[in-house]
Amino acid sequence: MNIQPLGDRVLVQRLEAAEIKKGGIIIPETAQEKPMEAKVIAIGTGKVLEDGTKGGFEVKKGDRILIGKYSGTDIKLDDEEYLILSQDDILAIVK
């Protein structure tokens, strides 16, 4: 895959959520919520700050992160689904 996010954007891939059961009923995949956990695939070059320098990233390639439910833009590359979002949309790093 040859894709490089621009600026302070991050390319992530959502991690699959475990099958959810409520009261013994299996919820179909179409009714399940999108997983909030993702893996960082690539990062951009950094945000340009007011003094002209580039800001660094708090995440790195391979980190597991938590993101908001409706964050970013969904894209599909090579039959894989990814999400491009701003670094500000990342809620936490999972350790």
PDB file of N, CA and C in Angstrom:
ATOM      1  N   MET A   1       0.852  -1.177   0.000  1.00  0.00           N
ATOM      2  CA  MET A   1       0.000   0.000   0.000  1.00  0.00           C
ATOM      3  C   MET A   1       0.895   1.236   0.000  1.00  0.00           C
ATOM      4  N   ASN A   2       0.648   2.138  -0.899  1.00  0.00           N
ATOM      5  CA  ASN A   2       1.416   3.368  -0.990  1.00  0.00           C
ATOM      6  C   ASN A   2       0.508   4.554  -0.741  1.00  0.00           C
ATOM      7  N   ILE A   3       0.374   4.927   0.524  1.00  0.00           N
ATOM      8  CA  ILE A   3      -0.431   6.092   0.884  1.00  0.00           C
ATOM      9  C   ILE A   3       0.252   6.798   2.045  1.00  0.00           C
ATOM     10  N   GLN A   4       0.359   8.115   1.944  1.00  0.00           N
ATOM     11  CA  GLN A   4       0.989   8.928   2.981  1.00  0.00           C
ATOM     12  C   GLN A   4       0.015  10.027   3.381  1.00  0.00           C
ATOM     13  N   PRO A   5      -0.504   9.975   4.613  1.00  0.00           N
ATOM     14  CA  PRO A   5      -1.401  11.051   5.063  1.00  0.00           C
ATOM     15  C   PRO A   5      -0.662  12.390   5.089  1.00  0.00           C
ATOM     16  N   LEU A   6      -1.386  13.467   4.886  1.00  0.00           N
ATOM     17  CA  LEU A   6      -0.794  14.797   4.885  1.00  0.00           C
ATOM     18  C   LEU A   6      -1.015  15.499   6.219  1.00  0.00           C
ATOM     19  N   GLY A   7      -0.120  16.406   6.561  1.00  0.00           N
ATOM     20  CA  GLY A   7      -0.270  17.227   7.756  1.00  0.00           C
ATOM     21  C   GLY A   7      -0.351  16.414   9.029  1.00  0.00           C
ATOM     22  N   ASP A   8      -1.332  16.737   9.866  1.00  0.00           N
ATOM     23  CA  ASP A   8      -1.475  16.046  11.152  1.00  0.00           C
ATOM     24  C   ASP A   8      -2.469  14.890  11.071  1.00  0.00           C
ATOM     25  N   ARG A   9      -2.628  14.323   9.887  1.00  0.00           N
ATOM     26  CA  ARG A   9      -3.575  13.224   9.716  1.00  0.00           C
ATOM     27  C   ARG A   9      -2.902  11.872   9.953  1.00  0.00           C
ATOM     28  N   VAL A  10      -3.728  10.890  10.335  1.00  0.00           N
ATOM     29  CA  VAL A  10      -3.260   9.551  10.662  1.00  0.00           C
ATOM     30  C   VAL A  10      -4.119   8.544   9.911  1.00  0.00           C
ATOM     31  N   LEU A  11      -3.489   7.527   9.330  1.00  0.00           N
ATOM     32  CA  LEU A  11      -4.199   6.434   8.666  1.00  0.00           C
ATOM     33  C   LEU A  11      -4.270   5.275   9.655  1.00  0.00           C
ATOM     34  N   VAL A  12      -5.484   4.824   9.952  1.00  0.00           N
ATOM     35  CA  VAL A  12      -5.673   3.737  10.914  1.00  0.00           C
ATOM     36  C   VAL A  12      -6.563   2.660  10.309  1.00  0.00           C
ATOM     37  N   GLN A  13      -6.502   1.481  10.914  1.00  0.00           N
ATOM     38  CA  GLN A  13      -7.386   0.382  10.538  1.00  0.00           C
ATOM     39  C   GLN A  13      -8.114  -0.050  11.798  1.00  0.00           C
ATOM     40  N   ARG A  14      -9.438  -0.053  11.726  1.00  0.00           N
ATOM     41  CA  ARG A  14     -10.231  -0.449  12.896  1.00  0.00           C
ATOM     42  C   ARG A  14      -9.964  -1.911  13.223  1.00  0.00           C
ATOM     43  N   LEU A  15      -9.850  -2.205  14.511  1.00  0.00           N
ATOM     44  CA  LEU A  15      -9.678  -3.576  14.964  1.00  0.00           C
ATOM     45  C   LEU A  15     -11.057  -4.185  15.156  1.00  0.00           C
ATOM     46  N   GLU A  16     -11.198  -5.435  14.777  1.00  0.00           N
ATOM     47  CA  GLU A  16     -12.488  -6.106  14.844  1.00  0.00           C
ATOM     48  C   GLU A  16     -12.956  -6.257  16.282  1.00  0.00           C
ATOM     49  N   ALA A  17     -14.203  -5.942  16.514  1.00  0.00           N
ATOM     50  CA  ALA A  17     -14.803  -6.119  17.836  1.00  0.00           C
ATOM     51  C   ALA A  17     -15.240  -7.564  17.994  1.00  0.00           C
ATOM     52  N   ALA A  18     -15.180  -8.046  19.198  1.00  0.00           N
ATOM     53  CA  ALA A  18     -15.645  -9.405  19.480  1.00  0.00           C
ATOM     54  C   ALA A  18     -17.158  -9.464  19.267  1.00  0.00           C
ATOM     55  N   GLU A  19     -17.648 -10.646  18.939  1.00  0.00           N
ATOM     56  CA  GLU A  19     -19.084 -10.813  18.724  1.00  0.00           C
ATOM     57  C   GLU A  19     -19.834 -10.436  20.006  1.00  0.00           C
ATOM     58  N   ILE A  20     -20.818  -9.593  19.877  1.00  0.00           N
ATOM     59  CA  ILE A  20     -21.528  -9.073  21.044  1.00  0.00           C
ATOM     60  C   ILE A  20     -22.817  -9.871  21.255  1.00  0.00           C
ATOM     61  N   LYS A  21     -23.033 -10.291  22.490  1.00  0.00           N
ATOM     62  CA  LYS A  21     -24.265 -11.003  22.836  1.00  0.00           C
ATOM     63  C   LYS A  21     -24.932 -10.266  23.975  1.00  0.00           C
ATOM     64  N   LYS A  22     -26.207 -10.008  23.838  1.00  0.00           N
ATOM     65  CA  LYS A  22     -26.986  -9.373  24.896  1.00  0.00           C
ATOM     66  C   LYS A  22     -28.173 -10.264  25.180  1.00  0.00           C
ATOM     67  N   GLY A  23     -28.226 -10.779  26.378  1.00  0.00           N
ATOM     68  CA  GLY A  23     -29.339 -11.638  26.760  1.00  0.00           C
ATOM     69  C   GLY A  23     -29.417 -12.909  25.941  1.00  0.00           C
ATOM     70  N   GLY A  24     -28.270 -13.404  25.479  1.00  0.00           N
ATOM     71  CA  GLY A  24     -28.249 -14.642  24.712  1.00  0.00           C
ATOM     72  C   GLY A  24     -28.568 -14.466  23.242  1.00  0.00           C
ATOM     73  N   ILE A  25     -28.812 -13.237  22.797  1.00  0.00           N
ATOM     74  CA  ILE A  25     -29.134 -12.980  21.391  1.00  0.00           C
ATOM     75  C   ILE A  25     -27.890 -12.462  20.688  1.00  0.00           C
ATOM     76  N   ILE A  26     -27.568 -13.074  19.567  1.00  0.00           N
ATOM     77  CA  ILE A  26     -26.416 -12.626  18.783  1.00  0.00           C
ATOM     78  C   ILE A  26     -26.858 -11.474  17.898  1.00  0.00           C
ATOM     79  N   ILE A  27     -26.167 -10.349  18.028  1.00  0.00           N
ATOM     80  CA  ILE A  27     -26.507  -9.155  17.252  1.00  0.00           C
ATOM     81  C   ILE A  27     -25.872  -9.286  15.866  1.00  0.00           C
ATOM     82  N   PRO A  28     -26.634  -9.131  14.792  1.00  0.00           N
ATOM     83  CA  PRO A  28     -26.060  -9.241  13.454  1.00  0.00           C
ATOM     84  C   PRO A  28     -24.993  -8.167  13.218  1.00  0.00           C
ATOM     85  N   GLU A  29     -24.050  -8.494  12.351  1.00  0.00           N
ATOM     86  CA  GLU A  29     -22.931  -7.586  12.081  1.00  0.00           C
ATOM     87  C   GLU A  29     -23.393  -6.213  11.606  1.00  0.00           C
ATOM     88  N   THR A  30     -24.473  -6.161  10.854  1.00  0.00           N
ATOM     89  CA  THR A  30     -24.960  -4.883  10.329  1.00  0.00           C
ATOM     90  C   THR A  30     -25.519  -3.986  11.417  1.00  0.00           C
ATOM     91  N   ALA A  31     -25.917  -4.553  12.546  1.00  0.00           N
ATOM     92  CA  ALA A  31     -26.492  -3.761  13.632  1.00  0.00           C
ATOM     93  C   ALA A  31     -25.461  -3.396  14.705  1.00  0.00           C
ATOM     94  N   GLN A  32     -24.263  -3.959  14.616  1.00  0.00           N
ATOM     95  CA  GLN A  32     -23.244  -3.679  15.617  1.00  0.00           C
ATOM     96  C   GLN A  32     -22.633  -2.309  15.388  1.00  0.00           C
ATOM     97  N   GLU A  33     -22.188  -1.698  16.480  1.00  0.00           N
ATOM     98  CA  GLU A  33     -21.514  -0.408  16.381  1.00  0.00           C
ATOM     99  C   GLU A  33     -20.102  -0.604  15.835  1.00  0.00           C
ATOM    100  N   LYS A  34     -19.568   0.448  15.247  1.00  0.00           N
ATOM    101  CA  LYS A  34     -18.195   0.392  14.755  1.00  0.00           C
ATOM    102  C   LYS A  34     -17.245   0.307  15.938  1.00  0.00           C
ATOM    103  N   PRO A  35     -16.180  -0.487  15.806  1.00  0.00           N
ATOM    104  CA  PRO A  35     -15.224  -0.568  16.913  1.00  0.00           C
ATOM    105  C   PRO A  35     -14.523   0.767  17.129  1.00  0.00           C
ATOM    106  N   MET A  36     -14.230   1.066  18.382  1.00  0.00           N
ATOM    107  CA  MET A  36     -13.558   2.316  18.715  1.00  0.00           C
ATOM    108  C   MET A  36     -12.047   2.133  18.828  1.00  0.00           C
ATOM    109  N   GLU A  37     -11.578   0.897  18.730  1.00  0.00           N
ATOM    110  CA  GLU A  37     -10.147   0.635  18.827  1.00  0.00           C
ATOM    111  C   GLU A  37      -9.584   0.451  17.420  1.00  0.00           C
ATOM    112  N   ALA A  38      -8.391   1.022  17.197  1.00  0.00           N
ATOM    113  CA  ALA A  38      -7.781   0.954  15.877  1.00  0.00           C
ATOM    114  C   ALA A  38      -6.272   0.836  16.008  1.00  0.00           C
ATOM    115  N   LYS A  39      -5.632   0.463  14.899  1.00  0.00           N
ATOM    116  CA  LYS A  39      -4.178   0.353  14.835  1.00  0.00           C
ATOM    117  C   LYS A  39      -3.661   1.404  13.865  1.00  0.00           C
ATOM    118  N   VAL A  40      -2.612   2.126  14.265  1.00  0.00           N
ATOM    119  CA  VAL A  40      -2.026   3.158  13.411  1.00  0.00           C
ATOM    120  C   VAL A  40      -1.225   2.484  12.297  1.00  0.00           C
ATOM    121  N   ILE A  41      -1.560   2.793  11.053  1.00  0.00           N
ATOM    122  CA  ILE A  41      -0.887   2.233   9.886  1.00  0.00           C
ATOM    123  C   ILE A  41       0.172   3.206   9.363  1.00  0.00           C
ATOM    124  N   ALA A  42      -0.145   4.495   9.303  1.00  0.00           N
ATOM    125  CA  ALA A  42       0.795   5.513   8.806  1.00  0.00           C
ATOM    126  C   ALA A  42       0.425   6.859   9.419  1.00  0.00           C
ATOM    127  N   ILE A  43       1.441   7.727   9.548  1.00  0.00           N
ATOM    128  CA  ILE A  43       1.199   9.078  10.064  1.00  0.00           C
ATOM    129  C   ILE A  43       1.672  10.095   9.043  1.00  0.00           C
ATOM    130  N   GLY A  44       1.128  11.292   9.137  1.00  0.00           N
ATOM    131  CA  GLY A  44       1.489  12.365   8.216  1.00  0.00           C
ATOM    132  C   GLY A  44       2.821  12.998   8.566  1.00  0.00           C
ATOM    133  N   THR A  45       3.049  14.153   8.008  1.00  0.00           N
ATOM    134  CA  THR A  45       4.323  14.852   8.199  1.00  0.00           C
ATOM    135  C   THR A  45       4.315  15.752   9.417  1.00  0.00           C
ATOM    136  N   GLY A  46       3.156  16.037   9.972  1.00  0.00           N
ATOM    137  CA  GLY A  46       3.046  16.895  11.149  1.00  0.00           C
ATOM    138  C   GLY A  46       2.374  18.207  10.807  1.00  0.00           C
ATOM    139  N   LYS A  47       1.727  18.784  11.797  1.00  0.00           N
ATOM    140  CA  LYS A  47       1.016  20.044  11.628  1.00  0.00           C
ATOM    141  C   LYS A  47       2.020  21.201  11.619  1.00  0.00           C
ATOM    142  N   VAL A  48       1.821  22.152  10.733  1.00  0.00           N
ATOM    143  CA  VAL A  48       2.673  23.336  10.688  1.00  0.00           C
ATOM    144  C   VAL A  48       2.198  24.299  11.776  1.00  0.00           C
ATOM    145  N   LEU A  49       3.111  24.618  12.689  1.00  0.00           N
ATOM    146  CA  LEU A  49       2.779  25.502  13.799  1.00  0.00           C
ATOM    147  C   LEU A  49       2.895  26.963  13.389  1.00  0.00           C
ATOM    148  N   GLU A  50       2.454  27.883  14.251  1.00  0.00           N
ATOM    149  CA  GLU A  50       2.468  29.319  13.935  1.00  0.00           C
ATOM    150  C   GLU A  50       3.864  29.844  13.638  1.00  0.00           C
ATOM    151  N   ASP A  51       4.900  29.264  14.255  1.00  0.00           N
ATOM    152  CA  ASP A  51       6.265  29.740  14.015  1.00  0.00           C
ATOM    153  C   ASP A  51       6.915  29.093  12.791  1.00  0.00           C
ATOM    154  N   GLY A  52       6.143  28.282  12.046  1.00  0.00           N
ATOM    155  CA  GLY A  52       6.642  27.681  10.816  1.00  0.00           C
ATOM    156  C   GLY A  52       7.270  26.312  10.988  1.00  0.00           C
ATOM    157  N   THR A  53       7.431  25.833  12.206  1.00  0.00           N
ATOM    158  CA  THR A  53       8.009  24.513  12.429  1.00  0.00           C
ATOM    159  C   THR A  53       6.908  23.444  12.373  1.00  0.00           C
ATOM    160  N   LYS A  54       7.324  22.205  12.217  1.00  0.00           N
ATOM    161  CA  LYS A  54       6.368  21.093  12.183  1.00  0.00           C
ATOM    162  C   LYS A  54       6.214  20.515  13.581  1.00  0.00           C
ATOM    163  N   GLY A  55       4.979  20.299  13.982  1.00  0.00           N
ATOM    164  CA  GLY A  55       4.692  19.682  15.277  1.00  0.00           C
ATOM    165  C   GLY A  55       4.842  18.176  15.185  1.00  0.00           C
ATOM    166  N   GLY A  56       5.219  17.545  16.280  1.00  0.00           N
ATOM    167  CA  GLY A  56       5.392  16.104  16.309  1.00  0.00           C
ATOM    168  C   GLY A  56       4.087  15.376  16.571  1.00  0.00           C
ATOM    169  N   PHE A  57       4.156  14.055  16.509  1.00  0.00           N
ATOM    170  CA  PHE A  57       3.001  13.202  16.763  1.00  0.00           C
ATOM    171  C   PHE A  57       3.147  12.528  18.117  1.00  0.00           C
ATOM    172  N   GLU A  58       2.025  12.321  18.793  1.00  0.00           N
ATOM    173  CA  GLU A  58       2.019  11.595  20.056  1.00  0.00           C
ATOM    174  C   GLU A  58       1.875  10.100  19.822  1.00  0.00           C
ATOM    175  N   VAL A  59       1.498   9.695  18.615  1.00  0.00           N
ATOM    176  CA  VAL A  59       1.356   8.284  18.272  1.00  0.00           C
ATOM    177  C   VAL A  59       2.405   7.919  17.230  1.00  0.00           C
ATOM    178  N   LYS A  60       2.665   6.628  17.106  1.00  0.00           N
ATOM    179  CA  LYS A  60       3.590   6.147  16.085  1.00  0.00           C
ATOM    180  C   LYS A  60       2.983   4.941  15.379  1.00  0.00           C
ATOM    181  N   LYS A  61       3.557   4.558  14.283  1.00  0.00           N
ATOM    182  CA  LYS A  61       3.072   3.425  13.509  1.00  0.00           C
ATOM    183  C   LYS A  61       3.057   2.178  14.392  1.00  0.00           C
ATOM    184  N   GLY A  62       1.945   1.444  14.371  1.00  0.00           N
ATOM    185  CA  GLY A  62       1.813   0.224  15.149  1.00  0.00           C
ATOM    186  C   GLY A  62       1.090   0.397  16.478  1.00  0.00           C
ATOM    187  N   ASP A  63       0.900   1.642  16.942  1.00  0.00           N
ATOM    188  CA  ASP A  63       0.192   1.886  18.205  1.00  0.00           C
ATOM    189  C   ASP A  63      -1.270   1.476  18.092  1.00  0.00           C
ATOM    190  N   ARG A  64      -1.822   0.971  19.204  1.00  0.00           N
ATOM    191  CA  ARG A  64      -3.258   0.718  19.306  1.00  0.00           C
ATOM    192  C   ARG A  64      -3.863   1.932  19.986  1.00  0.00           C
ATOM    193  N   ILE A  65      -4.926   2.473  19.387  1.00  0.00           N
ATOM    194  CA  ILE A  65      -5.513   3.718  19.881  1.00  0.00           C
ATOM    195  C   ILE A  65      -7.022   3.587  20.019  1.00  0.00           C
ATOM    196  N   LEU A  66      -7.612   4.534  20.750  1.00  0.00           N
ATOM    197  CA  LEU A  66      -9.063   4.655  20.840  1.00  0.00           C
ATOM    198  C   LEU A  66      -9.476   5.904  20.070  1.00  0.00           C
ATOM    199  N   ILE A  67     -10.522   5.773  19.272  1.00  0.00           N
ATOM    200  CA  ILE A  67     -11.007   6.894  18.470  1.00  0.00           C
ATOM    201  C   ILE A  67     -12.498   7.086  18.722  1.00  0.00           C
ATOM    202  N   GLY A  68     -13.004   8.246  18.359  1.00  0.00           N
ATOM    203  CA  GLY A  68     -14.430   8.518  18.493  1.00  0.00           C
ATOM    204  C   GLY A  68     -15.235   7.710  17.489  1.00  0.00           C
ATOM    205  N   LYS A  69     -16.511   7.463  17.793  1.00  0.00           N
ATOM    206  CA  LYS A  69     -17.365   6.645  16.926  1.00  0.00           C
ATOM    207  C   LYS A  69     -17.500   7.207  15.517  1.00  0.00           C
ATOM    208  N   TYR A  70     -17.624   8.511  15.416  1.00  0.00           N
ATOM    209  CA  TYR A  70     -17.891   9.124  14.117  1.00  0.00           C
ATOM    210  C   TYR A  70     -16.715   9.952  13.612  1.00  0.00           C
ATOM    211  N   SER A  71     -15.513   9.608  14.035  1.00  0.00           N
ATOM    212  CA  SER A  71     -14.312  10.356  13.651  1.00  0.00           C
ATOM    213  C   SER A  71     -13.818   9.935  12.274  1.00  0.00           C
ATOM    214  N   GLY A  72     -13.208  10.878  11.577  1.00  0.00           N
ATOM    215  CA  GLY A  72     -12.484  10.580  10.355  1.00  0.00           C
ATOM    216  C   GLY A  72     -13.332  10.289   9.134  1.00  0.00           C
ATOM    217  N   THR A  73     -12.620   9.865   8.080  1.00  0.00           N
ATOM    218  CA  THR A  73     -13.223   9.551   6.794  1.00  0.00           C
ATOM    219  C   THR A  73     -12.860   8.126   6.417  1.00  0.00           C
ATOM    220  N   ASP A  74     -13.867   7.300   6.129  1.00  0.00           N
ATOM    221  CA  ASP A  74     -13.636   5.912   5.729  1.00  0.00           C
ATOM    222  C   ASP A  74     -13.150   5.864   4.291  1.00  0.00           C
ATOM    223  N   ILE A  75     -12.129   5.026   4.038  1.00  0.00           N
ATOM    224  CA  ILE A  75     -11.638   4.798   2.676  1.00  0.00           C
ATOM    225  C   ILE A  75     -11.411   3.299   2.489  1.00  0.00           C
ATOM    226  N   LYS A  76     -11.363   2.867   1.233  1.00  0.00           N
ATOM    227  CA  LYS A  76     -11.118   1.466   0.937  1.00  0.00           C
ATOM    228  C   LYS A  76      -9.971   1.383  -0.052  1.00  0.00           C
ATOM    229  N   LEU A  77      -8.914   0.648   0.330  1.00  0.00           N
ATOM    230  CA  LEU A  77      -7.735   0.464  -0.516  1.00  0.00           C
ATOM    231  C   LEU A  77      -7.399  -1.015  -0.579  1.00  0.00           C
ATOM    232  N   ASP A  78      -7.217  -1.541  -1.759  1.00  0.00           N
ATOM    233  CA  ASP A  78      -6.848  -2.950  -1.938  1.00  0.00           C
ATOM    234  C   ASP A  78      -7.777  -3.880  -1.159  1.00  0.00           C
ATOM    235  N   ASP A  79      -9.073  -3.647  -1.222  1.00  0.00           N
ATOM    236  CA  ASP A  79     -10.101  -4.438  -0.542  1.00  0.00           C
ATOM    237  C   ASP A  79      -9.985  -4.423   0.979  1.00  0.00           C
ATOM    238  N   GLU A  80      -9.266  -3.473   1.547  1.00  0.00           N
ATOM    239  CA  GLU A  80      -9.157  -3.294   2.995  1.00  0.00           C
ATOM    240  C   GLU A  80      -9.782  -1.947   3.352  1.00  0.00           C
ATOM    241  N   GLU A  81     -10.447  -1.885   4.499  1.00  0.00           N
ATOM    242  CA  GLU A  81     -11.060  -0.636   4.937  1.00  0.00           C
ATOM    243  C   GLU A  81     -10.153   0.078   5.931  1.00  0.00           C
ATOM    244  N   TYR A  82      -9.965   1.375   5.710  1.00  0.00           N
ATOM    245  CA  TYR A  82      -9.122   2.210   6.560  1.00  0.00           C
ATOM    246  C   TYR A  82      -9.896   3.460   6.937  1.00  0.00           C
ATOM    247  N   LEU A  83      -9.295   4.243   7.806  1.00  0.00           N
ATOM    248  CA  LEU A  83      -9.894   5.481   8.263  1.00  0.00           C
ATOM    249  C   LEU A  83      -8.787   6.523   8.332  1.00  0.00           C
ATOM    250  N   ILE A  84      -9.018   7.694   7.749  1.00  0.00           N
ATOM    251  CA  ILE A  84      -8.071   8.806   7.868  1.00  0.00           C
ATOM    252  C   ILE A  84      -8.696   9.819   8.811  1.00  0.00           C
ATOM    253  N   LEU A  85      -7.943  10.179   9.857  1.00  0.00           N
ATOM    254  CA  LEU A  85      -8.456  11.127  10.827  1.00  0.00           C
ATOM    255  C   LEU A  85      -7.355  12.047  11.306  1.00  0.00           C
ATOM    256  N   SER A  86      -7.751  13.148  11.878  1.00  0.00           N
ATOM    257  CA  SER A  86      -6.817  14.113  12.437  1.00  0.00           C
ATOM    258  C   SER A  86      -6.278  13.581  13.759  1.00  0.00           C
ATOM    259  N   GLN A  87      -5.065  13.980  14.102  1.00  0.00           N
ATOM    260  CA  GLN A  87      -4.488  13.552  15.374  1.00  0.00           C
ATOM    261  C   GLN A  87      -5.369  13.999  16.547  1.00  0.00           C
ATOM    262  N   ASP A  88      -6.087  15.106  16.385  1.00  0.00           N
ATOM    263  CA  ASP A  88      -6.969  15.606  17.442  1.00  0.00           C
ATOM    264  C   ASP A  88      -8.150  14.668  17.718  1.00  0.00           C
ATOM    265  N   ASP A  89      -8.487  13.787  16.763  1.00  0.00           N
ATOM    266  CA  ASP A  89      -9.597  12.847  16.933  1.00  0.00           C
ATOM    267  C   ASP A  89      -9.205  11.591  17.715  1.00  0.00           C
ATOM    268  N   ILE A  90      -7.924  11.445  18.018  1.00  0.00           N
ATOM    269  CA  ILE A  90      -7.451  10.285  18.783  1.00  0.00           C
ATOM    270  C   ILE A  90      -7.685  10.577  20.254  1.00  0.00           C
ATOM    271  N   LEU A  91      -8.389   9.662  20.919  1.00  0.00           N
ATOM    272  CA  LEU A  91      -8.750   9.852  22.321  1.00  0.00           C
ATOM    273  C   LEU A  91      -7.678   9.363  23.280  1.00  0.00           C
ATOM    274  N   ALA A  92      -7.041   8.208  22.970  1.00  0.00           N
ATOM    275  CA  ALA A  92      -6.073   7.617  23.893  1.00  0.00           C
ATOM    276  C   ALA A  92      -5.233   6.560  23.170  1.00  0.00           C
ATOM    277  N   ILE A  93      -4.097   6.225  23.775  1.00  0.00           N
ATOM    278  CA  ILE A  93      -3.244   5.135  23.316  1.00  0.00           C
ATOM    279  C   ILE A  93      -3.491   3.970  24.268  1.00  0.00           C
ATOM    280  N   VAL A  94      -3.755   2.779  23.709  1.00  0.00           N
ATOM    281  CA  VAL A  94      -3.976   1.587  24.522  1.00  0.00           C
ATOM    282  C   VAL A  94      -2.630   0.939  24.778  1.00  0.00           C
ATOM    283  N   LYS A  95      -2.296   0.753  26.053  1.00  0.00           N
ATOM    284  CA  LYS A  95      -1.003   0.137  26.397  1.00  0.00           C
ATOM    285  C   LYS A  95      -1.182  -1.269  26.844  1.00  0.00           C
TER     286      LYS A  95
END
